[in-house]
Amino acid sequence: MTGNATILPPPTPENLAAFWPVGVSVVAPIAVVLAVLYLLGAVALWRRGRRWSVLRTISFLLGCGILFLTGSLGLNQYAEWLVGALVFQQITLMTVVPPLLIVGSPGRLILRATPHRGIGRVALRVAHGGLRSRVASAVLHPAVAIMVAAALYLGLYLTDLVSVAIALPAGHELLLMTFLVGGIVAAVPLWSSDPLPRAPSYAARLADVGIELQIHAIFGLVLLRTPSLLFSALSSPPPSWSVDPLFDQAVAGTLAWTYAELPLFVILIVTLARWGSRDAKLAARHQPRHEADLEEYNAYLASLEGRGSSSAGDEQGQRGG
């Protein structure tokens, strides 16, 4: 561990939410850089008189703000000693921040704001090549999101690999970056409206969300129901903190049951709404054609009926003659 628990005060709500200028995580400056680059692109479009959604801009900046706070508040210091704080960071970086960033459509902003000459042209070619590559197509497969969630919730914790990782030099930073990148990879197929090399069906998205909900539920249940400590590196908080490690472990399980599930339920509702909206648009688009076909078919039946009546009249006329 890189932190020194002897100089940390007890983890009260005030200390967890306080800003700590010393020991800020690397994700905090990353958030600042992302926000500045996004604003530069958005302002460049607005200056040219081109439209760019204010709501998308707010969403991306909100994601950057939450990312900055996750790495700069006291929570980041205590996450090297308390599993509840670390799981809170993980959930935030994997299920809260990525959707906000992705809804901001940074990929589309890059394509619109980057100049199509000089180094900008080279950057666009690289971006297009990467987007169309087999690697991008494979990474954005819905099954990858499930594997990421299983590896970073079940595999990392239930094998106590989290203790090995956090004991390494800069191990906490490595974990945070892994959570963030894994969350973005898992969220892109579910949230992105940018052109992707692989567009998952709505059925695949629903299956993905359903399985991830179960992974969170299993993870939370294990932490809540296990009567012994699971994590060797996160089971010895300083006695002066008066923190029960088992209670801390139960807090982490409760977070997995509640905080981690809420964004997935939002995805579930949004996916169902988009699916219904798409089906309604397709039905409205094909309705005039169906009505034309029906009218043509009715006209055909009417012509057959007219021919039948005409033939019957001719036969009666011949018999009368």
Foldseek 3Di string as FASTA:
>chain_A
DPADLVPQAFPDVCQQQAFDPPQFFPQQVVLVVVLVVLVVLQVLCVVVVHDADPQLNVLQNVLSVLSNSLRGGSLVRCVQAFVLSVLVLLLCLQQPNQLSNQSSVPVVSLVVRQDCDDVSVVVVVVVVPVQQDPVQVVLLDLVVLLVLLCCLQVVCQQVQVLQVQSPDVCSSSVNSVSSNVSNNSNCCQLRHPDDGNDNDDLVSNLVSLVSSLVSLLVSLVCLQPDPDDRHPSHQCRPVSNVDHNSVSSNSSSVCSNPVNSVSSVVSNVVSVVVVVVVVVVVCVVCVVVVVVVVVVVVVVVVVVVVVVVVVVVVVVVVVVD
